[in-house]
Amino acid sequence: MLLLAPQPALLALILLNKVSLYYSAPVITGLAVLWSWFDYSGKAQRRGSSVLRKLERLVEDFGQLNFQKATGPSDERIVRLLDRVVFPVNGPVSSELASAATERIKDIYFTLELWYFSMRQKVRLLLRRTSMMIEYDLLEVVNEFTDFYTEFVEKVAEGTLQLVGRGDMAGLESERESFSTFKTRLSELRGRTNAFLQAVHDDGLPISETKVRALETDPWLNLARASSELQDAAGRQNKILS
């Protein structure tokens, strides 16, 4: 308002021939440019702050689900299954290969955990200095979360479930409910993340992706399908024999 207030007064003085247009025009133009810049900057800061607050919530929820250790059955972290699954001697995967795969997944998990805390800190720092933030900073951290989310699902969650599916599933019945809860919560988080990314994209921020990877592997579902197929095959065989 302080930048806009002098302009009507200058225009009135020009019309009354009290001030020369030659001298006052640059002042009016400069004030208009400054007003436009401050207006644009304010809108950009408000948009950036809104995006970061929503992103912070998504990051926090992701961390609570995947990195926050709880006690007992309430611990729904997917990597917990790596310490629960057993690989029989005559199973499809030897214990040596299973152990090596488990260690590899755990190494990736710990690396992503460090990445997570670094990214969370970056979001919090940007929220504290939104007045100095540029669009590149906002674009970078949103794209980073997208890449991080996909990396975790692909290399930790999918990797764990694929390995678990090749072990002794009979010993994991008590873990089935926890996995079901994890799968539901991750699906809900993915829906919120996709909605957030689409909204950011529609608002004009050129992010790299508008969707994150879905969790596609369910060893218990695969086991149920295999059991059903075996029962169907046995039923057909009995009909042929009879």
C-alpha atoms as a PDB file:
ATOM      1  CA  MET A   1       0.000   0.000   0.000  1.00  0.00           C
ATOM      2  CA  LEU A   2       2.886   2.378   0.717  1.00  0.00           C
ATOM      3  CA  LEU A   3       4.107   1.871  -2.836  1.00  0.00           C
ATOM      4  CA  LEU A   4       0.673   2.424  -4.369  1.00  0.00           C
ATOM      5  CA  ALA A   5      -0.326   5.482  -2.313  1.00  0.00           C
ATOM      6  CA  PRO A   6       2.050   8.010  -3.984  1.00  0.00           C
ATOM      7  CA  GLN A   7       0.911   7.137  -7.512  1.00  0.00           C
ATOM      8  CA  PRO A   8      -2.598   8.701  -7.391  1.00  0.00           C
ATOM      9  CA  ALA A   9      -1.117  11.818  -5.772  1.00  0.00           C
ATOM     10  CA  LEU A  10       1.513  12.158  -8.513  1.00  0.00           C
ATOM     11  CA  LEU A  11      -1.085  11.629 -11.216  1.00  0.00           C
ATOM     12  CA  ALA A  12      -3.280  14.345  -9.676  1.00  0.00           C
ATOM     13  CA  LEU A  13      -0.350  16.756  -9.537  1.00  0.00           C
ATOM     14  CA  ILE A  14       0.454  16.021 -13.171  1.00  0.00           C
ATOM     15  CA  LEU A  15      -3.136  16.738 -14.240  1.00  0.00           C
ATOM     16  CA  LEU A  16      -3.048  20.004 -12.306  1.00  0.00           C
ATOM     17  CA  ASN A  17       0.267  20.916 -13.993  1.00  0.00           C
ATOM     18  CA  LYS A  18       1.943  21.060 -10.615  1.00  0.00           C
ATOM     19  CA  VAL A  19       4.541  18.418 -11.469  1.00  0.00           C
ATOM     20  CA  SER A  20       6.237  17.753 -14.797  1.00  0.00           C
ATOM     21  CA  LEU A  21       5.311  14.479 -16.494  1.00  0.00           C
ATOM     22  CA  TYR A  22       8.892  14.198 -17.706  1.00  0.00           C
ATOM     23  CA  TYR A  23      10.209  13.915 -14.128  1.00  0.00           C
ATOM     24  CA  SER A  24       7.344  12.077 -12.483  1.00  0.00           C
ATOM     25  CA  ALA A  25       6.778   9.321 -15.083  1.00  0.00           C
ATOM     26  CA  PRO A  26       9.934   7.351 -14.116  1.00  0.00           C
ATOM     27  CA  VAL A  27       8.903   7.556 -10.456  1.00  0.00           C
ATOM     28  CA  ILE A  28       5.415   6.213 -11.185  1.00  0.00           C
ATOM     29  CA  THR A  29       6.840   3.468 -13.389  1.00  0.00           C
ATOM     30  CA  GLY A  30       9.407   2.498 -10.772  1.00  0.00           C
ATOM     31  CA  LEU A  31       6.784   2.334  -8.039  1.00  0.00           C
ATOM     32  CA  ALA A  32       4.573   0.173 -10.265  1.00  0.00           C
ATOM     33  CA  VAL A  33       7.450  -2.203 -10.980  1.00  0.00           C
ATOM     34  CA  LEU A  34       8.321  -2.442  -7.293  1.00  0.00           C
ATOM     35  CA  TRP A  35       4.692  -3.114  -6.402  1.00  0.00           C
ATOM     36  CA  SER A  36       4.455  -5.851  -9.014  1.00  0.00           C
ATOM     37  CA  TRP A  37       7.648  -7.458  -7.741  1.00  0.00           C
ATOM     38  CA  PHE A  38       6.579  -7.416  -4.085  1.00  0.00           C
ATOM     39  CA  ASP A  39       3.142  -8.741  -5.012  1.00  0.00           C
ATOM     40  CA  TYR A  40       4.658 -11.599  -7.028  1.00  0.00           C
ATOM     41  CA  SER A  41       7.216 -12.330  -4.311  1.00  0.00           C
ATOM     42  CA  GLY A  42       4.502 -12.445  -1.629  1.00  0.00           C
ATOM     43  CA  LYS A  43       2.357 -14.818  -3.632  1.00  0.00           C
ATOM     44  CA  ALA A  44       5.367 -17.054  -4.361  1.00  0.00           C
ATOM     45  CA  GLN A  45       6.270 -17.162  -0.670  1.00  0.00           C
ATOM     46  CA  ARG A  46       2.729 -18.047   0.343  1.00  0.00           C
ATOM     47  CA  ARG A  47       2.570 -20.791  -2.272  1.00  0.00           C
ATOM     48  CA  GLY A  48       5.969 -22.122  -1.231  1.00  0.00           C
ATOM     49  CA  SER A  49       5.010 -22.124   2.436  1.00  0.00           C
ATOM     50  CA  SER A  50       1.752 -23.970   1.705  1.00  0.00           C
ATOM     51  CA  VAL A  51       3.508 -26.596  -0.420  1.00  0.00           C
ATOM     52  CA  LEU A  52       6.223 -27.137   2.187  1.00  0.00           C
ATOM     53  CA  ARG A  53       3.740 -27.568   5.042  1.00  0.00           C
ATOM     54  CA  LYS A  54       1.890 -30.265   3.093  1.00  0.00           C
ATOM     55  CA  LEU A  55       5.161 -31.899   2.089  1.00  0.00           C
ATOM     56  CA  GLU A  56       6.400 -31.845   5.677  1.00  0.00           C
ATOM     57  CA  ARG A  57       3.303 -33.767   6.766  1.00  0.00           C
ATOM     58  CA  LEU A  58       3.805 -36.396   4.064  1.00  0.00           C
ATOM     59  CA  VAL A  59       7.471 -36.784   4.984  1.00  0.00           C
ATOM     60  CA  GLU A  60       6.635 -37.143   8.677  1.00  0.00           C
ATOM     61  CA  ASP A  61       3.946 -39.763   7.990  1.00  0.00           C
ATOM     62  CA  PHE A  62       6.300 -41.715   5.736  1.00  0.00           C
ATOM     63  CA  GLY A  63       8.938 -41.751   8.463  1.00  0.00           C
ATOM     64  CA  GLN A  64       6.498 -42.879  11.146  1.00  0.00           C
ATOM     65  CA  LEU A  65       5.413 -45.806   8.999  1.00  0.00           C
ATOM     66  CA  ASN A  66       8.801 -46.959   7.753  1.00  0.00           C
ATOM     67  CA  PHE A  67      11.496 -45.775  10.156  1.00  0.00           C
ATOM     68  CA  GLN A  68       9.879 -45.364  13.562  1.00  0.00           C
ATOM     69  CA  LYS A  69      10.499 -48.494  15.606  1.00  0.00           C
ATOM     70  CA  ALA A  70       7.636 -49.562  17.832  1.00  0.00           C
ATOM     71  CA  THR A  71       7.397 -52.375  20.355  1.00  0.00           C
ATOM     72  CA  GLY A  72       5.553 -55.650  19.850  1.00  0.00           C
ATOM     73  CA  PRO A  73       3.003 -56.266  17.097  1.00  0.00           C
ATOM     74  CA  SER A  74       2.431 -52.522  16.618  1.00  0.00           C
ATOM     75  CA  ASP A  75       5.760 -52.312  14.771  1.00  0.00           C
ATOM     76  CA  GLU A  76       4.604 -52.340  11.147  1.00  0.00           C
ATOM     77  CA  ARG A  77       7.936 -51.619   9.460  1.00  0.00           C
ATOM     78  CA  ILE A  78       8.273 -53.821   6.412  1.00  0.00           C
ATOM     79  CA  VAL A  79      11.941 -54.648   7.099  1.00  0.00           C
ATOM     80  CA  ARG A  80      10.862 -56.487  10.261  1.00  0.00           C
ATOM     81  CA  LEU A  81       9.911 -59.413   8.033  1.00  0.00           C
ATOM     82  CA  LEU A  82      13.569 -59.950   7.112  1.00  0.00           C
ATOM     83  CA  ASP A  83      14.307 -61.107  10.656  1.00  0.00           C
ATOM     84  CA  ARG A  84      11.212 -63.304  10.828  1.00  0.00           C
ATOM     85  CA  VAL A  85      11.316 -65.297   7.607  1.00  0.00           C
ATOM     86  CA  VAL A  86      12.929 -68.752   7.560  1.00  0.00           C
ATOM     87  CA  PHE A  87      14.420 -70.402   4.478  1.00  0.00           C
ATOM     88  CA  PRO A  88      14.211 -74.238   4.540  1.00  0.00           C
ATOM     89  CA  VAL A  89      17.190 -76.276   3.419  1.00  0.00           C
ATOM     90  CA  ASN A  90      15.289 -77.677   0.437  1.00  0.00           C
ATOM     91  CA  GLY A  91      13.527 -74.416  -0.349  1.00  0.00           C
ATOM     92  CA  PRO A  92      13.811 -72.361  -3.553  1.00  0.00           C
ATOM     93  CA  VAL A  93      16.470 -70.104  -1.989  1.00  0.00           C
ATOM     94  CA  SER A  94      19.468 -71.368  -0.039  1.00  0.00           C
ATOM     95  CA  SER A  95      20.172 -69.870   3.369  1.00  0.00           C
ATOM     96  CA  GLU A  96      23.441 -68.366   2.056  1.00  0.00           C
ATOM     97  CA  LEU A  97      21.726 -66.535  -0.796  1.00  0.00           C
ATOM     98  CA  ALA A  98      18.876 -65.484   1.476  1.00  0.00           C
ATOM     99  CA  SER A  99      21.341 -64.105   4.029  1.00  0.00           C
ATOM    100  CA  ALA A 100      23.195 -62.138   1.364  1.00  0.00           C
ATOM    101  CA  ALA A 101      19.929 -60.732  -0.032  1.00  0.00           C
ATOM    102  CA  THR A 102      18.770 -59.809   3.475  1.00  0.00           C
ATOM    103  CA  GLU A 103      21.982 -57.918   4.216  1.00  0.00           C
ATOM    104  CA  ARG A 104      21.764 -56.100   0.895  1.00  0.00           C
ATOM    105  CA  ILE A 105      18.198 -54.956   1.567  1.00  0.00           C
ATOM    106  CA  LYS A 106      19.119 -53.857   5.095  1.00  0.00           C
ATOM    107  CA  ASP A 107      22.065 -51.846   3.772  1.00  0.00           C
ATOM    108  CA  ILE A 108      19.766 -50.083   1.325  1.00  0.00           C
ATOM    109  CA  TYR A 109      17.264 -49.489   4.126  1.00  0.00           C
ATOM    110  CA  PHE A 110      19.851 -47.832   6.382  1.00  0.00           C
ATOM    111  CA  THR A 111      21.106 -45.700   3.482  1.00  0.00           C
ATOM    112  CA  LEU A 112      17.561 -44.558   2.747  1.00  0.00           C
ATOM    113  CA  GLU A 113      17.019 -43.898   6.440  1.00  0.00           C
ATOM    114  CA  LEU A 114      19.943 -41.455   6.413  1.00  0.00           C
ATOM    115  CA  TRP A 115      18.565 -39.894   3.246  1.00  0.00           C
ATOM    116  CA  TYR A 116      15.175 -39.567   4.903  1.00  0.00           C
ATOM    117  CA  PHE A 117      16.449 -37.630   7.917  1.00  0.00           C
ATOM    118  CA  SER A 118      18.519 -35.379   5.656  1.00  0.00           C
ATOM    119  CA  MET A 119      15.487 -34.655   3.476  1.00  0.00           C
ATOM    120  CA  ARG A 120      13.250 -34.017   6.484  1.00  0.00           C
ATOM    121  CA  GLN A 121      15.763 -31.528   7.849  1.00  0.00           C
ATOM    122  CA  LYS A 122      15.921 -29.793   4.471  1.00  0.00           C
ATOM    123  CA  VAL A 123      12.141 -29.346   4.415  1.00  0.00           C
ATOM    124  CA  ARG A 124      12.183 -27.884   7.928  1.00  0.00           C
ATOM    125  CA  LEU A 125      14.991 -25.460   7.049  1.00  0.00           C
ATOM    126  CA  LEU A 126      13.147 -24.267   3.951  1.00  0.00           C
ATOM    127  CA  LEU A 127      10.028 -23.670   6.029  1.00  0.00           C
ATOM    128  CA  ARG A 128      12.029 -21.437   8.353  1.00  0.00           C
ATOM    129  CA  ARG A 129      13.385 -19.292   5.521  1.00  0.00           C
ATOM    130  CA  THR A 130      10.565 -19.120   3.007  1.00  0.00           C
ATOM    131  CA  SER A 131      11.281 -15.393   2.510  1.00  0.00           C
ATOM    132  CA  MET A 132      14.645 -16.300   0.928  1.00  0.00           C
ATOM    133  CA  MET A 133      13.501 -19.447  -0.876  1.00  0.00           C
ATOM    134  CA  ILE A 134      13.524 -19.558  -4.660  1.00  0.00           C
ATOM    135  CA  GLU A 135      11.403 -21.805  -6.867  1.00  0.00           C
ATOM    136  CA  TYR A 136      14.374 -24.079  -7.574  1.00  0.00           C
ATOM    137  CA  ASP A 137      14.639 -24.970  -3.856  1.00  0.00           C
ATOM    138  CA  LEU A 138      10.962 -25.922  -3.757  1.00  0.00           C
ATOM    139  CA  LEU A 139      11.186 -27.907  -6.988  1.00  0.00           C
ATOM    140  CA  GLU A 140      14.273 -29.745  -5.801  1.00  0.00           C
ATOM    141  CA  VAL A 141      12.840 -30.907  -2.478  1.00  0.00           C
ATOM    142  CA  VAL A 142       9.515 -32.031  -3.992  1.00  0.00           C
ATOM    143  CA  ASN A 143      11.345 -34.038  -6.666  1.00  0.00           C
ATOM    144  CA  GLU A 144      13.649 -35.463  -3.995  1.00  0.00           C
ATOM    145  CA  PHE A 145      10.715 -36.798  -2.002  1.00  0.00           C
ATOM    146  CA  THR A 146       9.234 -38.367  -5.135  1.00  0.00           C
ATOM    147  CA  ASP A 147      12.521 -40.122  -5.946  1.00  0.00           C
ATOM    148  CA  PHE A 148      12.972 -41.190  -2.333  1.00  0.00           C
ATOM    149  CA  TYR A 149       9.466 -42.652  -2.060  1.00  0.00           C
ATOM    150  CA  THR A 150       9.885 -44.678  -5.253  1.00  0.00           C
ATOM    151  CA  GLU A 151      13.352 -45.897  -4.244  1.00  0.00           C
ATOM    152  CA  PHE A 152      12.056 -47.153  -0.905  1.00  0.00           C
ATOM    153  CA  VAL A 153       9.061 -48.980  -2.339  1.00  0.00           C
ATOM    154  CA  GLU A 154      11.065 -50.552  -5.145  1.00  0.00           C
ATOM    155  CA  LYS A 155      14.271 -51.523  -3.347  1.00  0.00           C
ATOM    156  CA  VAL A 156      13.170 -52.081   0.252  1.00  0.00           C
ATOM    157  CA  ALA A 157       9.461 -52.897   0.355  1.00  0.00           C
ATOM    158  CA  GLU A 158       9.253 -54.865  -2.915  1.00  0.00           C
ATOM    159  CA  GLY A 159      12.660 -56.460  -2.345  1.00  0.00           C
ATOM    160  CA  THR A 160      11.673 -57.599   1.147  1.00  0.00           C
ATOM    161  CA  LEU A 161       8.318 -59.026   0.068  1.00  0.00           C
ATOM    162  CA  GLN A 162       9.757 -60.860  -2.919  1.00  0.00           C
ATOM    163  CA  LEU A 163      12.383 -62.475  -0.676  1.00  0.00           C
ATOM    164  CA  VAL A 164       9.800 -63.323   1.988  1.00  0.00           C
ATOM    165  CA  GLY A 165       7.625 -64.969  -0.662  1.00  0.00           C
ATOM    166  CA  ARG A 166      10.424 -67.455  -1.345  1.00  0.00           C
ATOM    167  CA  GLY A 167      10.782 -68.439   2.301  1.00  0.00           C
ATOM    168  CA  ASP A 168       8.639 -70.429   4.717  1.00  0.00           C
ATOM    169  CA  MET A 169       5.357 -68.485   4.775  1.00  0.00           C
ATOM    170  CA  ALA A 170       3.844 -70.881   7.331  1.00  0.00           C
ATOM    171  CA  GLY A 171       5.982 -69.285  10.018  1.00  0.00           C
ATOM    172  CA  LEU A 172       4.717 -65.779   9.220  1.00  0.00           C
ATOM    173  CA  GLU A 173       0.986 -66.104   9.825  1.00  0.00           C
ATOM    174  CA  SER A 174       1.251 -63.858  12.871  1.00  0.00           C
ATOM    175  CA  GLU A 175       2.807 -61.160  10.659  1.00  0.00           C
ATOM    176  CA  ARG A 176       0.022 -61.184   8.106  1.00  0.00           C
ATOM    177  CA  GLU A 177      -2.191 -58.720   9.978  1.00  0.00           C
ATOM    178  CA  SER A 178       0.676 -56.289  10.503  1.00  0.00           C
ATOM    179  CA  PHE A 179       1.504 -56.435   6.812  1.00  0.00           C
ATOM    180  CA  SER A 180      -2.142 -55.849   5.917  1.00  0.00           C
ATOM    181  CA  THR A 181      -2.143 -52.714   8.080  1.00  0.00           C
ATOM    182  CA  PHE A 182       1.153 -51.568   6.557  1.00  0.00           C
ATOM    183  CA  LYS A 183      -0.179 -52.093   3.049  1.00  0.00           C
ATOM    184  CA  THR A 184      -3.348 -50.119   3.815  1.00  0.00           C
ATOM    185  CA  ARG A 185      -1.452 -47.222   5.394  1.00  0.00           C
ATOM    186  CA  LEU A 186       1.084 -47.093   2.572  1.00  0.00           C
ATOM    187  CA  SER A 187      -1.716 -47.097  -0.010  1.00  0.00           C
ATOM    188  CA  GLU A 188      -3.415 -44.208   1.800  1.00  0.00           C
ATOM    189  CA  LEU A 189      -0.120 -42.320   1.950  1.00  0.00           C
ATOM    190  CA  ARG A 190       0.446 -42.914  -1.755  1.00  0.00           C
ATOM    191  CA  GLY A 191      -3.019 -41.538  -2.551  1.00  0.00           C
ATOM    192  CA  ARG A 192      -2.302 -38.376  -0.560  1.00  0.00           C
ATOM    193  CA  THR A 193       1.131 -38.037  -2.160  1.00  0.00           C
ATOM    194  CA  ASN A 194      -0.254 -38.373  -5.680  1.00  0.00           C
ATOM    195  CA  ALA A 195      -2.960 -35.809  -4.941  1.00  0.00           C
ATOM    196  CA  PHE A 196      -0.309 -33.442  -3.553  1.00  0.00           C
ATOM    197  CA  LEU A 197       1.964 -33.885  -6.583  1.00  0.00           C
ATOM    198  CA  GLN A 198      -0.892 -33.348  -9.028  1.00  0.00           C
ATOM    199  CA  ALA A 199      -1.972 -30.184  -7.211  1.00  0.00           C
ATOM    200  CA  VAL A 200       1.600 -28.834  -7.234  1.00  0.00           C
ATOM    201  CA  HIS A 201       1.895 -29.618 -10.948  1.00  0.00           C
ATOM    202  CA  ASP A 202      -1.436 -27.939 -11.711  1.00  0.00           C
ATOM    203  CA  ASP A 203      -0.244 -24.875  -9.805  1.00  0.00           C
ATOM    204  CA  GLY A 204       2.587 -24.461 -12.302  1.00  0.00           C
ATOM    205  CA  LEU A 205       5.588 -26.050 -10.572  1.00  0.00           C
ATOM    206  CA  PRO A 206       7.359 -28.226 -13.205  1.00  0.00           C
ATOM    207  CA  ILE A 207       7.909 -31.320 -11.031  1.00  0.00           C
ATOM    208  CA  SER A 208       9.333 -34.477 -12.613  1.00  0.00           C
ATOM    209  CA  GLU A 209       6.510 -36.873 -11.620  1.00  0.00           C
ATOM    210  CA  THR A 210       2.892 -36.631 -10.522  1.00  0.00           C
ATOM    211  CA  LYS A 211       2.681 -40.218  -9.216  1.00  0.00           C
ATOM    212  CA  VAL A 212       4.792 -42.414  -6.976  1.00  0.00           C
ATOM    213  CA  ARG A 213       5.216 -46.149  -7.242  1.00  0.00           C
ATOM    214  CA  ALA A 214       2.543 -48.446  -5.853  1.00  0.00           C
ATOM    215  CA  LEU A 215       3.310 -51.515  -3.757  1.00  0.00           C
ATOM    216  CA  GLU A 216       2.505 -54.454  -6.024  1.00  0.00           C
ATOM    217  CA  THR A 217       3.859 -57.517  -4.194  1.00  0.00           C
ATOM    218  CA  ASP A 218       1.784 -59.428  -1.644  1.00  0.00           C
ATOM    219  CA  PRO A 219       3.334 -62.816  -0.781  1.00  0.00           C
ATOM    220  CA  TRP A 220       0.278 -63.923   1.224  1.00  0.00           C
ATOM    221  CA  LEU A 221      -2.013 -63.163  -1.707  1.00  0.00           C
ATOM    222  CA  ASN A 222       0.323 -65.023  -4.048  1.00  0.00           C
ATOM    223  CA  LEU A 223       0.369 -67.961  -1.638  1.00  0.00           C
ATOM    224  CA  ALA A 224      -3.438 -68.019  -1.490  1.00  0.00           C
ATOM    225  CA  ARG A 225      -3.652 -67.959  -5.293  1.00  0.00           C
ATOM    226  CA  ALA A 226      -1.124 -70.796  -5.601  1.00  0.00           C
ATOM    227  CA  SER A 227      -3.054 -72.843  -3.037  1.00  0.00           C
ATOM    228  CA  SER A 228      -6.310 -72.210  -4.870  1.00  0.00           C
ATOM    229  CA  GLU A 229      -4.750 -73.241  -8.181  1.00  0.00           C
ATOM    230  CA  LEU A 230      -3.438 -76.453  -6.624  1.00  0.00           C
ATOM    231  CA  GLN A 231      -6.885 -77.249  -5.225  1.00  0.00           C
ATOM    232  CA  ASP A 232      -8.483 -76.617  -8.607  1.00  0.00           C
ATOM    233  CA  ALA A 233      -5.921 -78.834 -10.296  1.00  0.00           C
ATOM    234  CA  ALA A 234      -6.493 -81.591  -7.730  1.00  0.00           C
ATOM    235  CA  GLY A 235     -10.247 -81.296  -8.240  1.00  0.00           C
ATOM    236  CA  ARG A 236      -9.906 -81.637 -12.015  1.00  0.00           C
ATOM    237  CA  GLN A 237      -7.607 -84.628 -11.567  1.00  0.00           C
ATOM    238  CA  ASN A 238     -10.131 -86.340  -9.271  1.00  0.00           C
ATOM    239  CA  LYS A 239     -12.891 -85.787 -11.836  1.00  0.00           C
ATOM    240  CA  ILE A 240     -10.757 -87.352 -14.568  1.00  0.00           C
ATOM    241  CA  LEU A 241      -9.913 -90.374 -12.404  1.00  0.00           C
ATOM    242  CA  SER A 242     -13.510 -90.865 -11.376  1.00  0.00           C
END
